[in-house]
Amino acid sequence: MSYLPSVLATATLIHVVNNVEPGLGAEYESQLFGILGFDKEKVNECCKLMLEVWSGDEQGRQRKKRKFMAPL
């Protein structure tokens, strides 16, 4: 799936607001969708995809850690 940069930015913004100030998330989200006029489902799908990618990236980092040996 591909998303417009503005949808990606909106999904990122909503994710940050929900994590920083969870109580304001729903109010801020409704205002944001009202101003921008985006489809809420498309933004939510984008947000879910971003979370999947981020969580997969964290797992990959843990598996791919380099082990450095002391010089001889």
PDB file of N, CA and C in Angstrom:
ATOM      1  N   MET A   1       0.830  -1.181   0.000  1.00  0.00           N
ATOM      2  CA  MET A   1       0.000   0.000   0.000  1.00  0.00           C
ATOM      3  C   MET A   1       0.872   1.241   0.000  1.00  0.00           C
ATOM      4  N   SER A   2       0.376   2.260  -0.635  1.00  0.00           N
ATOM      5  CA  SER A   2       1.093   3.530  -0.606  1.00  0.00           C
ATOM      6  C   SER A   2       0.181   4.611  -0.042  1.00  0.00           C
ATOM      7  N   TYR A   3       0.789   5.527   0.666  1.00  0.00           N
ATOM      8  CA  TYR A   3       0.045   6.610   1.303  1.00  0.00           C
ATOM      9  C   TYR A   3       0.660   7.937   0.906  1.00  0.00           C
ATOM     10  N   LEU A   4      -0.179   8.943   0.798  1.00  0.00           N
ATOM     11  CA  LEU A   4       0.301  10.290   0.547  1.00  0.00           C
ATOM     12  C   LEU A   4       1.132  10.751   1.738  1.00  0.00           C
ATOM     13  N   PRO A   5       2.121  11.600   1.497  1.00  0.00           N
ATOM     14  CA  PRO A   5       2.926  12.121   2.613  1.00  0.00           C
ATOM     15  C   PRO A   5       2.077  12.809   3.683  1.00  0.00           C
ATOM     16  N   SER A   6       1.006  13.464   3.266  1.00  0.00           N
ATOM     17  CA  SER A   6       0.148  14.154   4.238  1.00  0.00           C
ATOM     18  C   SER A   6      -0.586  13.156   5.135  1.00  0.00           C
ATOM     19  N   VAL A   7      -0.959  12.000   4.595  1.00  0.00           N
ATOM     20  CA  VAL A   7      -1.611  10.960   5.404  1.00  0.00           C
ATOM     21  C   VAL A   7      -0.597  10.364   6.370  1.00  0.00           C
ATOM     22  N   LEU A   8       0.617  10.143   5.893  1.00  0.00           N
ATOM     23  CA  LEU A   8       1.686   9.624   6.750  1.00  0.00           C
ATOM     24  C   LEU A   8       1.988  10.600   7.887  1.00  0.00           C
ATOM     25  N   ALA A   9       2.048  11.881   7.567  1.00  0.00           N
ATOM     26  CA  ALA A   9       2.309  12.895   8.588  1.00  0.00           C
ATOM     27  C   ALA A   9       1.172  12.953   9.604  1.00  0.00           C
ATOM     28  N   THR A  10      -0.060  12.842   9.136  1.00  0.00           N
ATOM     29  CA  THR A  10      -1.216  12.865  10.038  1.00  0.00           C
ATOM     30  C   THR A  10      -1.205  11.656  10.957  1.00  0.00           C
ATOM     31  N   ALA A  11      -0.913  10.483  10.412  1.00  0.00           N
ATOM     32  CA  ALA A  11      -0.853   9.262  11.223  1.00  0.00           C
ATOM     33  C   ALA A  11       0.247   9.366  12.276  1.00  0.00           C
ATOM     34  N   THR A  12       1.380   9.933  11.889  1.00  0.00           N
ATOM     35  CA  THR A  12       2.482  10.117  12.831  1.00  0.00           C
ATOM     36  C   THR A  12       2.094  11.085  13.937  1.00  0.00           C
ATOM     37  N   LEU A  13       1.467  12.176  13.561  1.00  0.00           N
ATOM     38  CA  LEU A  13       1.041  13.180  14.531  1.00  0.00           C
ATOM     39  C   LEU A  13       0.035  12.601  15.531  1.00  0.00           C
ATOM     40  N   ILE A  14      -0.920  11.844  15.031  1.00  0.00           N
ATOM     41  CA  ILE A  14      -1.923  11.232  15.907  1.00  0.00           C
ATOM     42  C   ILE A  14      -1.260  10.229  16.852  1.00  0.00           C
ATOM     43  N   HIS A  15      -0.319   9.463  16.340  1.00  0.00           N
ATOM     44  CA  HIS A  15       0.393   8.494  17.184  1.00  0.00           C
ATOM     45  C   HIS A  15       1.142   9.206  18.308  1.00  0.00           C
ATOM     46  N   VAL A  16       1.821  10.282  17.980  1.00  0.00           N
ATOM     47  CA  VAL A  16       2.584  11.031  18.982  1.00  0.00           C
ATOM     48  C   VAL A  16       1.646  11.628  20.028  1.00  0.00           C
ATOM     49  N   VAL A  17       0.568  12.250  19.584  1.00  0.00           N
ATOM     50  CA  VAL A  17      -0.382  12.868  20.525  1.00  0.00           C
ATOM     51  C   VAL A  17      -0.972  11.808  21.449  1.00  0.00           C
ATOM     52  N   ASN A  18      -1.341  10.664  20.907  1.00  0.00           N
ATOM     53  CA  ASN A  18      -1.917   9.602  21.740  1.00  0.00           C
ATOM     54  C   ASN A  18      -0.925   9.080  22.771  1.00  0.00           C
ATOM     55  N   ASN A  19       0.362   9.119  22.454  1.00  0.00           N
ATOM     56  CA  ASN A  19       1.359   8.648  23.407  1.00  0.00           C
ATOM     57  C   ASN A  19       1.770   9.711  24.414  1.00  0.00           C
ATOM     58  N   VAL A  20       1.771  10.960  24.001  1.00  0.00           N
ATOM     59  CA  VAL A  20       2.182  12.041  24.890  1.00  0.00           C
ATOM     60  C   VAL A  20       1.050  12.465  25.807  1.00  0.00           C
ATOM     61  N   GLU A  21      -0.129  12.626  25.257  1.00  0.00           N
ATOM     62  CA  GLU A  21      -1.290  13.104  26.012  1.00  0.00           C
ATOM     63  C   GLU A  21      -2.524  12.278  25.641  1.00  0.00           C
ATOM     64  N   PRO A  22      -2.635  11.048  26.175  1.00  0.00           N
ATOM     65  CA  PRO A  22      -3.722  10.149  25.781  1.00  0.00           C
ATOM     66  C   PRO A  22      -5.120  10.729  25.995  1.00  0.00           C
ATOM     67  N   GLY A  23      -5.308  11.546  26.984  1.00  0.00           N
ATOM     68  CA  GLY A  23      -6.625  12.115  27.248  1.00  0.00           C
ATOM     69  C   GLY A  23      -7.099  13.073  26.171  1.00  0.00           C
ATOM     70  N   LEU A  24      -6.165  13.702  25.485  1.00  0.00           N
ATOM     71  CA  LEU A  24      -6.522  14.659  24.444  1.00  0.00           C
ATOM     72  C   LEU A  24      -6.558  14.035  23.046  1.00  0.00           C
ATOM     73  N   GLY A  25      -6.167  12.800  22.936  1.00  0.00           N
ATOM     74  CA  GLY A  25      -6.053  12.153  21.633  1.00  0.00           C
ATOM     75  C   GLY A  25      -7.318  12.187  20.801  1.00  0.00           C
ATOM     76  N   ALA A  26      -8.447  11.798  21.386  1.00  0.00           N
ATOM     77  CA  ALA A  26      -9.700  11.733  20.629  1.00  0.00           C
ATOM     78  C   ALA A  26     -10.169  13.119  20.198  1.00  0.00           C
ATOM     79  N   GLU A  27     -10.067  14.092  21.095  1.00  0.00           N
ATOM     80  CA  GLU A  27     -10.489  15.454  20.764  1.00  0.00           C
ATOM     81  C   GLU A  27      -9.602  16.039  19.665  1.00  0.00           C
ATOM     82  N   TYR A  28      -8.311  15.876  19.813  1.00  0.00           N
ATOM     83  CA  TYR A  28      -7.374  16.397  18.833  1.00  0.00           C
ATOM     84  C   TYR A  28      -7.566  15.719  17.481  1.00  0.00           C
ATOM     85  N   GLU A  29      -7.800  14.411  17.522  1.00  0.00           N
ATOM     86  CA  GLU A  29      -8.001  13.641  16.294  1.00  0.00           C
ATOM     87  C   GLU A  29      -9.226  14.142  15.527  1.00  0.00           C
ATOM     88  N   SER A  30     -10.334  14.367  16.221  1.00  0.00           N
ATOM     89  CA  SER A  30     -11.541  14.830  15.532  1.00  0.00           C
ATOM     90  C   SER A  30     -11.340  16.226  14.948  1.00  0.00           C
ATOM     91  N   GLN A  31     -10.623  17.089  15.654  1.00  0.00           N
ATOM     92  CA  GLN A  31     -10.324  18.422  15.119  1.00  0.00           C
ATOM     93  C   GLN A  31      -9.432  18.328  13.888  1.00  0.00           C
ATOM     94  N   LEU A  32      -8.440  17.474  13.953  1.00  0.00           N
ATOM     95  CA  LEU A  32      -7.501  17.322  12.849  1.00  0.00           C
ATOM     96  C   LEU A  32      -8.200  16.793  11.597  1.00  0.00           C
ATOM     97  N   PHE A  33      -9.041  15.779  11.770  1.00  0.00           N
ATOM     98  CA  PHE A  33      -9.772  15.238  10.614  1.00  0.00           C
ATOM     99  C   PHE A  33     -10.754  16.258  10.060  1.00  0.00           C
ATOM    100  N   GLY A  34     -11.336  17.073  10.935  1.00  0.00           N
ATOM    101  CA  GLY A  34     -12.251  18.116  10.481  1.00  0.00           C
ATOM    102  C   GLY A  34     -11.553  19.165   9.636  1.00  0.00           C
ATOM    103  N   ILE A  35     -10.343  19.523  10.036  1.00  0.00           N
ATOM    104  CA  ILE A  35      -9.579  20.540   9.308  1.00  0.00           C
ATOM    105  C   ILE A  35      -9.034  19.982   7.997  1.00  0.00           C
ATOM    106  N   LEU A  36      -8.433  18.812   8.057  1.00  0.00           N
ATOM    107  CA  LEU A  36      -7.759  18.260   6.883  1.00  0.00           C
ATOM    108  C   LEU A  36      -8.695  17.537   5.928  1.00  0.00           C
ATOM    109  N   GLY A  37      -9.778  16.996   6.445  1.00  0.00           N
ATOM    110  CA  GLY A  37     -10.743  16.295   5.602  1.00  0.00           C
ATOM    111  C   GLY A  37     -10.278  14.940   5.104  1.00  0.00           C
ATOM    112  N   PHE A  38      -9.384  14.293   5.831  1.00  0.00           N
ATOM    113  CA  PHE A  38      -8.922  12.965   5.440  1.00  0.00           C
ATOM    114  C   PHE A  38      -9.906  11.892   5.871  1.00  0.00           C
ATOM    115  N   ASP A  39      -9.825  10.763   5.201  1.00  0.00           N
ATOM    116  CA  ASP A  39     -10.603   9.598   5.588  1.00  0.00           C
ATOM    117  C   ASP A  39      -9.951   8.984   6.820  1.00  0.00           C
ATOM    118  N   LYS A  40     -10.705   8.900   7.893  1.00  0.00           N
ATOM    119  CA  LYS A  40     -10.173   8.410   9.167  1.00  0.00           C
ATOM    120  C   LYS A  40      -9.655   6.978   9.041  1.00  0.00           C
ATOM    121  N   GLU A  41     -10.350   6.143   8.290  1.00  0.00           N
ATOM    122  CA  GLU A  41      -9.933   4.743   8.137  1.00  0.00           C
ATOM    123  C   GLU A  41      -8.579   4.633   7.443  1.00  0.00           C
ATOM    124  N   LYS A  42      -8.361   5.462   6.425  1.00  0.00           N
ATOM    125  CA  LYS A  42      -7.087   5.409   5.702  1.00  0.00           C
ATOM    126  C   LYS A  42      -5.933   5.820   6.613  1.00  0.00           C
ATOM    127  N   VAL A  43      -6.150   6.840   7.429  1.00  0.00           N
ATOM    128  CA  VAL A  43      -5.111   7.289   8.366  1.00  0.00           C
ATOM    129  C   VAL A  43      -4.861   6.217   9.425  1.00  0.00           C
ATOM    130  N   ASN A  44      -5.912   5.586   9.927  1.00  0.00           N
ATOM    131  CA  ASN A  44      -5.756   4.522  10.922  1.00  0.00           C
ATOM    132  C   ASN A  44      -5.017   3.324  10.336  1.00  0.00           C
ATOM    133  N   GLU A  45      -5.298   2.974   9.080  1.00  0.00           N
ATOM    134  CA  GLU A  45      -4.583   1.877   8.423  1.00  0.00           C
ATOM    135  C   GLU A  45      -3.096   2.212   8.304  1.00  0.00           C
ATOM    136  N   CYS A  46      -2.817   3.445   7.942  1.00  0.00           N
ATOM    137  CA  CYS A  46      -1.429   3.893   7.818  1.00  0.00           C
ATOM    138  C   CYS A  46      -0.732   3.818   9.178  1.00  0.00           C
ATOM    139  N   CYS A  47      -1.421   4.240  10.219  1.00  0.00           N
ATOM    140  CA  CYS A  47      -0.853   4.202  11.567  1.00  0.00           C
ATOM    141  C   CYS A  47      -0.552   2.757  11.991  1.00  0.00           C
ATOM    142  N   LYS A  48      -1.464   1.847  11.710  1.00  0.00           N
ATOM    143  CA  LYS A  48      -1.237   0.435  12.045  1.00  0.00           C
ATOM    144  C   LYS A  48      -0.038  -0.118  11.286  1.00  0.00           C
ATOM    145  N   LEU A  49       0.073   0.247  10.013  1.00  0.00           N
ATOM    146  CA  LEU A  49       1.209  -0.213   9.219  1.00  0.00           C
ATOM    147  C   LEU A  49       2.523   0.330   9.775  1.00  0.00           C
ATOM    148  N   MET A  50       2.530   1.591  10.157  1.00  0.00           N
ATOM    149  CA  MET A  50       3.735   2.172  10.740  1.00  0.00           C
ATOM    150  C   MET A  50       4.122   1.448  12.026  1.00  0.00           C
ATOM    151  N   LEU A  51       3.145   1.137  12.862  1.00  0.00           N
ATOM    152  CA  LEU A  51       3.440   0.424  14.110  1.00  0.00           C
ATOM    153  C   LEU A  51       4.007  -0.960  13.832  1.00  0.00           C
ATOM    154  N   GLU A  52       3.477  -1.645  12.816  1.00  0.00           N
ATOM    155  CA  GLU A  52       4.001  -2.958  12.445  1.00  0.00           C
ATOM    156  C   GLU A  52       5.448  -2.851  11.990  1.00  0.00           C
ATOM    157  N   VAL A  53       5.729  -1.855  11.170  1.00  0.00           N
ATOM    158  CA  VAL A  53       7.086  -1.675  10.662  1.00  0.00           C
ATOM    159  C   VAL A  53       8.033  -1.328  11.802  1.00  0.00           C
ATOM    160  N   TRP A  54       7.608  -0.416  12.674  1.00  0.00           N
ATOM    161  CA  TRP A  54       8.453  -0.020  13.794  1.00  0.00           C
ATOM    162  C   TRP A  54       8.720  -1.182  14.735  1.00  0.00           C
ATOM    163  N   SER A  55       7.705  -1.981  15.033  1.00  0.00           N
ATOM    164  CA  SER A  55       7.916  -3.101  15.954  1.00  0.00           C
ATOM    165  C   SER A  55       8.802  -4.157  15.302  1.00  0.00           C
ATOM    166  N   GLY A  56       8.655  -4.385  14.017  1.00  0.00           N
ATOM    167  CA  GLY A  56       9.522  -5.317  13.305  1.00  0.00           C
ATOM    168  C   GLY A  56      10.950  -4.824  13.256  1.00  0.00           C
ATOM    169  N   ASP A  57      11.121  -3.501  13.143  1.00  0.00           N
ATOM    170  CA  ASP A  57      12.452  -2.900  13.111  1.00  0.00           C
ATOM    171  C   ASP A  57      13.142  -3.094  14.453  1.00  0.00           C
ATOM    172  N   GLU A  58      12.421  -2.948  15.536  1.00  0.00           N
ATOM    173  CA  GLU A  58      13.001  -3.139  16.875  1.00  0.00           C
ATOM    174  C   GLU A  58      13.472  -4.579  17.045  1.00  0.00           C
ATOM    175  N   GLN A  59      12.669  -5.525  16.575  1.00  0.00           N
ATOM    176  CA  GLN A  59      13.058  -6.928  16.694  1.00  0.00           C
ATOM    177  C   GLN A  59      14.287  -7.206  15.843  1.00  0.00           C
ATOM    178  N   GLY A  60      14.338  -6.600  14.657  1.00  0.00           N
ATOM    179  CA  GLY A  60      15.484  -6.785  13.776  1.00  0.00           C
ATOM    180  C   GLY A  60      16.751  -6.218  14.371  1.00  0.00           C
ATOM    181  N   ARG A  61      16.643  -5.097  15.051  1.00  0.00           N
ATOM    182  CA  ARG A  61      17.819  -4.488  15.680  1.00  0.00           C
ATOM    183  C   ARG A  61      18.371  -5.383  16.769  1.00  0.00           C
ATOM    184  N   GLN A  62      17.485  -6.017  17.508  1.00  0.00           N
ATOM    185  CA  GLN A  62      17.947  -6.870  18.596  1.00  0.00           C
ATOM    186  C   GLN A  62      18.666  -8.095  18.041  1.00  0.00           C
ATOM    187  N   ARG A  63      18.194  -8.611  16.927  1.00  0.00           N
ATOM    188  CA  ARG A  63      18.818  -9.794  16.347  1.00  0.00           C
ATOM    189  C   ARG A  63      20.112  -9.464  15.615  1.00  0.00           C
ATOM    190  N   LYS A  64      20.222  -8.254  15.094  1.00  0.00           N
ATOM    191  CA  LYS A  64      21.349  -7.908  14.250  1.00  0.00           C
ATOM    192  C   LYS A  64      22.438  -7.133  14.982  1.00  0.00           C
ATOM    193  N   LYS A  65      22.427  -7.149  16.288  1.00  0.00           N
ATOM    194  CA  LYS A  65      23.458  -6.417  17.023  1.00  0.00           C
ATOM    195  C   LYS A  65      24.823  -7.018  16.716  1.00  0.00           C
ATOM    196  N   ARG A  66      25.740  -6.152  16.459  1.00  0.00           N
ATOM    197  CA  ARG A  66      27.092  -6.613  16.177  1.00  0.00           C
ATOM    198  C   ARG A  66      27.810  -6.950  17.476  1.00  0.00           C
ATOM    199  N   LYS A  67      28.605  -7.940  17.396  1.00  0.00           N
ATOM    200  CA  LYS A  67      29.413  -8.317  18.541  1.00  0.00           C
ATOM    201  C   LYS A  67      30.859  -8.022  18.163  1.00  0.00           C
ATOM    202  N   PHE A  68      31.453  -7.124  18.894  1.00  0.00           N
ATOM    203  CA  PHE A  68      32.813  -6.750  18.610  1.00  0.00           C
ATOM    204  C   PHE A  68      33.770  -7.535  19.507  1.00  0.00           C
ATOM    205  N   MET A  69      34.808  -7.978  18.914  1.00  0.00           N
ATOM    206  CA  MET A  69      35.803  -8.723  19.662  1.00  0.00           C
ATOM    207  C   MET A  69      36.919  -7.762  20.046  1.00  0.00           C
ATOM    208  N   ALA A  70      37.533  -8.035  21.154  1.00  0.00           N
ATOM    209  CA  ALA A  70      38.672  -7.219  21.596  1.00  0.00           C
ATOM    210  C   ALA A  70      39.824  -7.454  20.642  1.00  0.00           C
ATOM    211  N   PRO A  71      40.565  -6.388  20.293  1.00  0.00           N
ATOM    212  CA  PRO A  71      41.708  -6.563  19.377  1.00  0.00           C
ATOM    213  C   PRO A  71      42.791  -7.443  20.008  1.00  0.00           C
ATOM    214  N   LEU A  72      43.421  -8.194  19.173  1.00  0.00           N
ATOM    215  CA  LEU A  72      44.482  -9.106  19.653  1.00  0.00           C
ATOM    216  C   LEU A  72      45.773  -8.399  19.870  1.00  0.00           C
TER     217      LEU A  72
END
